[in-house]
Amino acid sequence: MIFQNPWFLILAPVILAAVFYKRIREKNPALKFSSGKLLSGVEPSLKLKMSFHLRDLRLTALMLMILALARPVHPLEPSKIRTEGIDIVLAVDVSTSMLAEDFEIGSKRMNRLDVVKTVIEDFIRQRRNDKIGMVVFASRTYTVCPLTLDTNWLFKNIERVRIGMAGDGTAIGSGIASAINRLKGTKAKDRVIILLTDGRNNAGKIHPLTAAEMARALGIKIYTIGAGSRGPAPYPFRDAFGRIVYKPVKINIDEETLEKIASATGAQFYRATDTESLREIYGRIDKLETYPIEERGYTRSMELFPLFLFPGLIILFLEIILGNTILRTIP
């Protein structure tokens, strides 16, 4: 038997303590006599004895109702649920170069990171059976969300991702190493890193190819994506009056290194020059192999709260009826 709302059980010791305290205080006599000899031969009647225990009925009813509120259930028919999935860590560049606005969604020009976040969320929705985590990198790395099956929680964490949250620069090797740390302890048959960047490695202490060798040794694939137009991209600047102005800036992507990273781990390199090509790339990666996950669960359960609720109500009604009829006391 398990309880669906176990916090209601906290009420039980509170009520018992209150009853115990009240009974201690009631031990003091209401009237004091110099001698008890006058009452020595008087025996309490059956009605009086029962009236003393009338409150026990109410206490019993309260305890039974607390158990009912805690909602006890008995699991039935243990079953094994088989699903397909892999462990995936999304490694995303959040350096300031991702501010370039050369991507569009619905004819509206947007910066690279905002488009990447939108496309990533669509990708996640297609992989409900995968454990997915996310790390971001610039000059430093930051774990946005560890591996999880809770997509809603993952989406909330993705909303927090901002350009500059991990400094500036592009530490591709450190980003890969951080993603590896999230995958190396898992027991999944297939483990994948999807690395997206729009620049060259210019920060961090780990070379990208060294990090790729680490991934290969652990059997982790790294799919790499170079995001950004091939020519100059509109980049926001502030002029002397604080207004945002755009200037064309060419941001070079180290395609050669990204290809080597993917090749070393048995994966592929992709180039995304606009939103549609980025969606297509994540669509291709969506066709990765899956493996069976076996989870033990319970398909049915028996509600047990009626076993406590109905006797509790019956005892409570009995206490009310007796207290107002044959066991009624006159103040």
Protein backbone atom coordinates (compact mmCIF):
# COMPACT_ATOMS: atom_id res chain seq x y z
CA MET A 1 0.00 0.00 0.00
CA ILE A 2 1.26 3.45 -0.91
CA PHE A 3 -0.14 6.92 -0.22
CA GLN A 4 -0.78 9.38 -3.05
CA ASN A 5 -1.10 12.37 -0.67
CA PRO A 6 1.19 11.41 2.25
CA TRP A 7 1.45 14.98 3.61
CA PHE A 8 -2.02 14.58 5.18
CA LEU A 9 -0.49 12.06 7.58
CA ILE A 10 1.25 14.96 9.33
CA LEU A 11 -2.13 15.85 10.84
CA ALA A 12 -2.28 12.60 12.84
CA PRO A 13 0.51 13.32 15.38
CA VAL A 14 -0.69 16.94 15.69
CA ILE A 15 -4.22 15.84 16.67
CA LEU A 16 -2.91 13.13 19.03
CA ALA A 17 -0.66 15.65 20.77
CA ALA A 18 -3.57 18.08 21.18
CA VAL A 19 -5.79 15.35 22.68
CA PHE A 20 -3.03 14.21 25.05
CA TYR A 21 -2.44 17.79 26.23
CA LYS A 22 -6.17 18.35 26.82
CA ARG A 23 -6.51 15.15 28.86
CA ILE A 24 -3.59 16.11 31.09
CA ARG A 25 -5.25 19.43 31.85
CA GLU A 26 -8.57 17.70 32.60
CA LYS A 27 -6.98 15.64 35.39
CA ASN A 28 -7.25 18.65 37.66
CA PRO A 29 -10.58 18.36 39.59
CA ALA A 30 -13.30 20.88 38.93
CA LEU A 31 -14.33 20.86 42.64
CA LYS A 32 -12.09 20.35 45.66
CA PHE A 33 -13.23 18.68 48.88
CA SER A 34 -11.40 18.41 52.17
CA SER A 35 -12.16 14.69 52.20
CA GLY A 36 -13.15 12.10 49.61
CA LYS A 37 -14.83 9.72 52.06
CA LEU A 38 -18.26 10.86 51.02
CA LEU A 39 -17.68 9.60 47.47
CA SER A 40 -15.71 6.45 48.33
CA GLY A 41 -18.66 4.12 47.93
CA VAL A 42 -20.10 5.69 44.79
CA GLU A 43 -19.46 3.68 41.60
CA PRO A 44 -19.79 5.37 38.17
CA SER A 45 -22.70 4.08 36.12
CA LEU A 46 -22.32 2.38 32.73
CA LYS A 47 -23.70 5.49 31.04
CA LEU A 48 -21.09 7.65 32.75
CA LYS A 49 -18.28 5.30 31.79
CA MET A 50 -19.43 5.35 28.17
CA SER A 51 -19.67 9.14 28.14
CA PHE A 52 -16.03 9.34 29.24
CA HIS A 53 -15.04 7.35 26.14
CA LEU A 54 -17.35 9.17 23.75
CA ARG A 55 -14.53 11.45 22.60
CA ASP A 56 -12.51 8.36 21.62
CA LEU A 57 -15.06 7.72 18.90
CA ARG A 58 -14.46 11.19 17.46
CA LEU A 59 -10.68 10.68 17.64
CA THR A 60 -10.99 7.34 15.85
CA ALA A 61 -13.17 8.94 13.16
CA LEU A 62 -10.62 11.73 12.63
CA MET A 63 -7.74 9.24 12.29
CA LEU A 64 -9.68 7.21 9.71
CA MET A 65 -10.52 10.34 7.71
CA ILE A 66 -6.88 11.45 7.72
CA LEU A 67 -5.91 8.07 6.28
CA ALA A 68 -8.61 8.47 3.63
CA LEU A 69 -7.31 11.97 2.72
CA ALA A 70 -3.81 10.52 2.33
CA ARG A 71 -5.38 8.44 -0.46
CA PRO A 72 -3.96 4.94 0.01
CA VAL A 73 -3.75 2.81 -3.12
CA HIS A 74 -2.69 -0.73 -3.82
CA PRO A 75 -0.77 -1.19 -7.12
CA LEU A 76 -2.02 -3.98 -9.33
CA GLU A 77 -0.68 -5.78 -12.38
CA PRO A 78 2.98 -4.79 -12.48
CA SER A 79 3.98 -4.29 -16.10
CA LYS A 80 7.03 -3.44 -18.16
CA ILE A 81 6.76 -0.55 -20.59
CA ARG A 82 9.14 -0.59 -23.54
CA THR A 83 10.00 2.64 -25.32
CA GLU A 84 12.67 3.71 -27.77
CA GLY A 85 15.19 6.44 -27.06
CA ILE A 86 18.78 7.64 -26.88
CA ASP A 87 20.66 10.05 -24.64
CA ILE A 88 21.26 13.40 -26.31
CA VAL A 89 23.07 16.52 -25.10
CA LEU A 90 22.57 19.74 -27.05
CA ALA A 91 25.70 21.92 -26.97
CA VAL A 92 24.92 25.45 -28.16
CA ASP A 93 27.21 28.43 -28.74
CA VAL A 94 26.04 31.56 -26.86
CA SER A 95 28.91 33.89 -27.75
CA THR A 96 28.09 37.43 -28.89
CA SER A 97 28.49 36.47 -32.55
CA MET A 98 25.13 34.68 -32.19
CA LEU A 99 23.55 38.15 -32.11
CA ALA A 100 23.88 38.34 -35.90
CA GLU A 101 20.41 38.59 -37.45
CA ASP A 102 20.71 36.61 -40.66
CA PHE A 103 17.92 34.09 -39.88
CA GLU A 104 14.16 34.61 -40.18
CA ILE A 105 10.97 33.12 -38.71
CA GLY A 106 7.71 34.11 -40.40
CA SER A 107 9.40 36.86 -42.44
CA LYS A 108 10.68 38.41 -39.20
CA ARG A 109 14.42 38.79 -38.91
CA MET A 110 15.81 37.29 -35.69
CA ASN A 111 19.21 36.65 -34.19
CA ARG A 112 20.79 33.25 -34.53
CA LEU A 113 20.30 32.11 -30.94
CA ASP A 114 16.56 32.86 -30.85
CA VAL A 115 16.04 30.87 -34.05
CA VAL A 116 18.20 28.01 -32.77
CA LYS A 117 16.15 27.84 -29.54
CA THR A 118 12.91 27.67 -31.55
CA VAL A 119 14.22 24.91 -33.82
CA ILE A 120 15.65 22.97 -30.88
CA GLU A 121 12.29 23.02 -29.10
CA ASP A 122 10.61 21.58 -32.21
CA PHE A 123 13.31 18.89 -32.32
CA ILE A 124 12.73 18.00 -28.65
CA ARG A 125 8.97 17.63 -29.18
CA GLN A 126 9.67 14.90 -31.75
CA ARG A 127 11.78 12.88 -29.31
CA ARG A 128 9.54 12.30 -26.31
CA ASN A 129 11.23 9.00 -25.45
CA ASP A 130 14.78 10.37 -25.32
CA LYS A 131 16.65 11.71 -22.35
CA ILE A 132 17.85 15.15 -23.46
CA GLY A 133 20.11 17.66 -21.73
CA MET A 134 21.63 20.97 -22.73
CA VAL A 135 24.90 22.82 -22.20
CA VAL A 136 25.91 26.21 -23.56
CA PHE A 137 29.36 27.60 -24.10
CA ALA A 138 31.20 30.79 -24.94
CA SER A 139 34.45 31.52 -23.08
CA ARG A 140 33.06 29.28 -20.31
CA THR A 141 30.57 26.43 -20.21
CA TYR A 142 27.26 26.23 -18.38
CA THR A 143 24.88 23.31 -17.89
CA VAL A 144 21.40 24.54 -18.72
CA CYS A 145 19.69 21.23 -17.97
CA PRO A 146 20.98 17.71 -17.16
CA LEU A 147 19.61 14.70 -19.01
CA THR A 148 15.88 14.43 -18.45
CA LEU A 149 12.67 12.96 -19.86
CA ASP A 150 10.71 15.95 -18.54
CA THR A 151 10.39 18.06 -21.68
CA ASN A 152 8.39 20.80 -19.94
CA TRP A 153 11.18 21.33 -17.44
CA LEU A 154 13.71 21.31 -20.28
CA PHE A 155 11.73 23.98 -22.16
CA LYS A 156 11.65 26.20 -19.06
CA ASN A 157 15.43 25.94 -18.78
CA ILE A 158 15.91 26.71 -22.46
CA GLU A 159 13.92 29.93 -21.98
CA ARG A 160 16.67 31.11 -19.61
CA VAL A 161 19.40 30.82 -22.24
CA ARG A 162 20.81 34.23 -23.15
CA ILE A 163 23.75 35.47 -25.17
CA GLY A 164 26.61 36.40 -22.87
CA MET A 165 25.52 34.14 -19.98
CA ALA A 166 28.79 32.19 -20.36
CA GLY A 167 31.08 35.13 -21.14
CA ASP A 168 32.37 35.84 -24.62
CA GLY A 169 34.60 33.88 -26.96
CA THR A 170 34.08 30.43 -28.41
CA ALA A 171 35.42 27.47 -26.40
CA ILE A 172 34.25 24.62 -28.62
CA GLY A 173 36.53 22.07 -26.95
CA SER A 174 35.26 22.99 -23.49
CA GLY A 175 31.68 22.79 -24.73
CA ILE A 176 32.25 19.26 -26.00
CA ALA A 177 33.97 18.24 -22.75
CA SER A 178 31.05 19.57 -20.70
CA ALA A 179 28.59 17.60 -22.84
CA ILE A 180 30.72 14.46 -22.47
CA ASN A 181 30.57 14.81 -18.68
CA ARG A 182 26.79 14.70 -18.91
CA LEU A 183 26.86 11.50 -20.96
CA LYS A 184 29.77 9.45 -19.67
CA GLY A 185 27.93 8.03 -16.66
CA THR A 186 24.77 6.95 -18.49
CA LYS A 187 23.99 3.36 -19.43
CA ALA A 188 22.41 4.21 -22.77
CA LYS A 189 23.44 2.16 -25.77
CA ASP A 190 23.64 5.25 -27.98
CA ARG A 191 24.84 8.64 -26.76
CA VAL A 192 24.91 11.71 -28.97
CA ILE A 193 26.09 15.31 -28.77
CA ILE A 194 24.61 17.85 -31.20
CA LEU A 195 27.05 20.75 -31.29
CA LEU A 196 26.00 24.06 -32.84
CA THR A 197 28.37 27.01 -33.28
CA ASP A 198 28.86 29.97 -35.59
CA GLY A 199 32.55 30.62 -35.03
CA ARG A 200 36.04 29.29 -34.39
CA ASN A 201 37.59 27.90 -31.24
CA ASN A 202 39.36 30.84 -29.58
CA ALA A 203 38.92 30.18 -25.85
CA GLY A 204 39.20 27.39 -23.31
CA LYS A 205 42.05 25.02 -22.51
CA ILE A 206 40.79 21.97 -24.43
CA HIS A 207 41.35 21.68 -28.16
CA PRO A 208 38.19 20.63 -30.04
CA LEU A 209 39.90 17.62 -31.68
CA THR A 210 41.22 16.46 -28.30
CA ALA A 211 37.67 16.62 -26.95
CA ALA A 212 36.48 14.70 -30.03
CA GLU A 213 38.98 11.92 -29.27
CA MET A 214 37.61 11.75 -25.72
CA ALA A 215 34.11 11.34 -27.12
CA ARG A 216 35.22 8.68 -29.59
CA ALA A 217 36.90 6.69 -26.80
CA LEU A 218 33.61 6.69 -24.88
CA GLY A 219 31.54 5.76 -27.93
CA ILE A 220 29.80 9.14 -28.12
CA LYS A 221 28.85 10.59 -31.51
CA ILE A 222 29.14 14.34 -32.12
CA TYR A 223 26.96 15.82 -34.84
CA THR A 224 28.26 19.30 -35.64
CA ILE A 225 26.31 22.21 -37.11
CA GLY A 226 27.81 25.43 -38.42
CA ALA A 227 25.11 28.10 -38.23
CA GLY A 228 25.23 31.37 -40.16
CA SER A 229 25.10 32.86 -43.66
CA ARG A 230 28.17 32.54 -45.87
CA GLY A 231 28.46 36.24 -46.50
CA PRO A 232 28.33 39.33 -44.24
CA ALA A 233 25.48 39.20 -41.70
CA PRO A 234 23.60 42.17 -40.17
CA TYR A 235 25.04 42.67 -36.69
CA PRO A 236 23.54 45.08 -34.09
CA PHE A 237 25.62 47.94 -32.69
CA ARG A 238 24.71 50.98 -30.58
CA ASP A 239 25.55 54.38 -32.01
CA ALA A 240 26.56 57.49 -30.07
CA PHE A 241 22.91 58.18 -29.22
CA GLY A 242 22.25 54.69 -27.86
CA ARG A 243 20.22 53.61 -30.85
CA ILE A 244 20.63 50.13 -32.33
CA VAL A 245 22.08 50.19 -35.83
CA TYR A 246 23.07 47.26 -38.04
CA LYS A 247 26.33 46.81 -39.88
CA PRO A 248 27.30 43.93 -42.15
CA VAL A 249 29.86 41.70 -40.43
CA LYS A 250 31.40 38.52 -41.79
CA ILE A 251 31.71 35.79 -39.14
CA ASN A 252 33.93 32.90 -40.14
CA ILE A 253 32.99 29.35 -39.23
CA ASP A 254 35.72 26.74 -38.88
CA GLU A 255 34.03 24.15 -41.08
CA GLU A 256 37.19 22.06 -41.37
CA THR A 257 37.47 21.50 -37.62
CA LEU A 258 33.76 20.81 -37.30
CA GLU A 259 34.00 18.20 -40.06
CA LYS A 260 36.95 16.54 -38.31
CA ILE A 261 35.08 16.45 -34.99
CA ALA A 262 32.07 14.75 -36.58
CA SER A 263 34.17 12.37 -38.67
CA ALA A 264 36.30 11.30 -35.68
CA THR A 265 33.18 10.18 -33.79
CA GLY A 266 31.35 8.51 -36.69
CA ALA A 267 28.85 11.33 -37.14
CA GLN A 268 28.29 14.10 -39.71
CA PHE A 269 28.85 17.82 -40.16
CA TYR A 270 26.05 20.09 -41.42
CA ARG A 271 25.98 23.69 -42.59
CA ALA A 272 22.91 25.80 -41.82
CA THR A 273 22.68 29.08 -43.70
CA ASP A 274 19.05 29.90 -42.90
CA THR A 275 16.15 28.77 -40.72
CA GLU A 276 14.83 26.19 -43.16
CA SER A 277 18.19 24.49 -43.61
CA LEU A 278 18.59 24.44 -39.81
CA ARG A 279 15.20 22.75 -39.41
CA GLU A 280 16.13 20.24 -42.10
CA ILE A 281 19.38 19.40 -40.33
CA TYR A 282 17.67 18.69 -37.02
CA GLY A 283 15.11 16.67 -38.97
CA ARG A 284 17.90 14.48 -40.35
CA ILE A 285 19.42 14.01 -36.93
CA ASP A 286 15.94 13.07 -35.70
CA LYS A 287 16.32 9.87 -37.74
CA LEU A 288 19.12 8.61 -35.51
CA GLU A 289 18.98 5.03 -34.26
CA THR A 290 16.95 4.39 -31.13
CA TYR A 291 17.29 1.67 -28.54
CA PRO A 292 14.71 0.01 -26.27
CA ILE A 293 14.26 1.34 -22.74
CA GLU A 294 12.46 -0.94 -20.32
CA GLU A 295 10.69 0.80 -17.46
CA ARG A 296 8.84 -0.98 -14.68
CA GLY A 297 5.47 0.56 -13.89
CA TYR A 298 1.95 -0.20 -12.77
CA THR A 299 -0.88 0.04 -15.26
CA ARG A 300 -3.64 -0.21 -12.64
CA SER A 301 -4.12 0.48 -8.95
CA MET A 302 -6.90 -0.08 -6.42
CA GLU A 303 -8.13 2.91 -4.42
CA LEU A 304 -8.30 2.03 -0.72
CA PHE A 305 -9.59 5.31 0.73
CA PRO A 306 -13.24 4.03 0.97
CA LEU A 307 -12.03 1.44 3.48
CA PHE A 308 -11.14 4.30 5.83
CA LEU A 309 -13.59 7.04 4.80
CA PHE A 310 -16.88 5.17 5.24
CA PRO A 311 -16.06 3.63 8.65
CA GLY A 312 -14.83 7.06 9.75
CA LEU A 313 -18.11 8.70 8.73
CA ILE A 314 -20.16 5.97 10.41
CA ILE A 315 -18.22 6.33 13.68
CA LEU A 316 -18.54 10.14 13.53
CA PHE A 317 -22.33 9.95 13.02
CA LEU A 318 -22.56 7.42 15.86
CA GLU A 319 -20.66 9.78 18.16
CA ILE A 320 -22.95 12.69 17.24
CA ILE A 321 -26.12 10.63 17.78
CA LEU A 322 -24.99 9.17 21.13
CA GLY A 323 -23.72 12.55 22.34
CA ASN A 324 -27.10 14.13 21.69
CA THR A 325 -29.29 11.29 22.98
CA ILE A 326 -28.57 8.63 25.61
CA LEU A 327 -25.03 9.85 26.42
CA ARG A 328 -25.92 13.51 26.47
CA THR A 329 -24.35 15.40 29.36
CA ILE A 330 -25.82 18.45 31.06
CA PRO A 331 -23.31 21.22 31.80
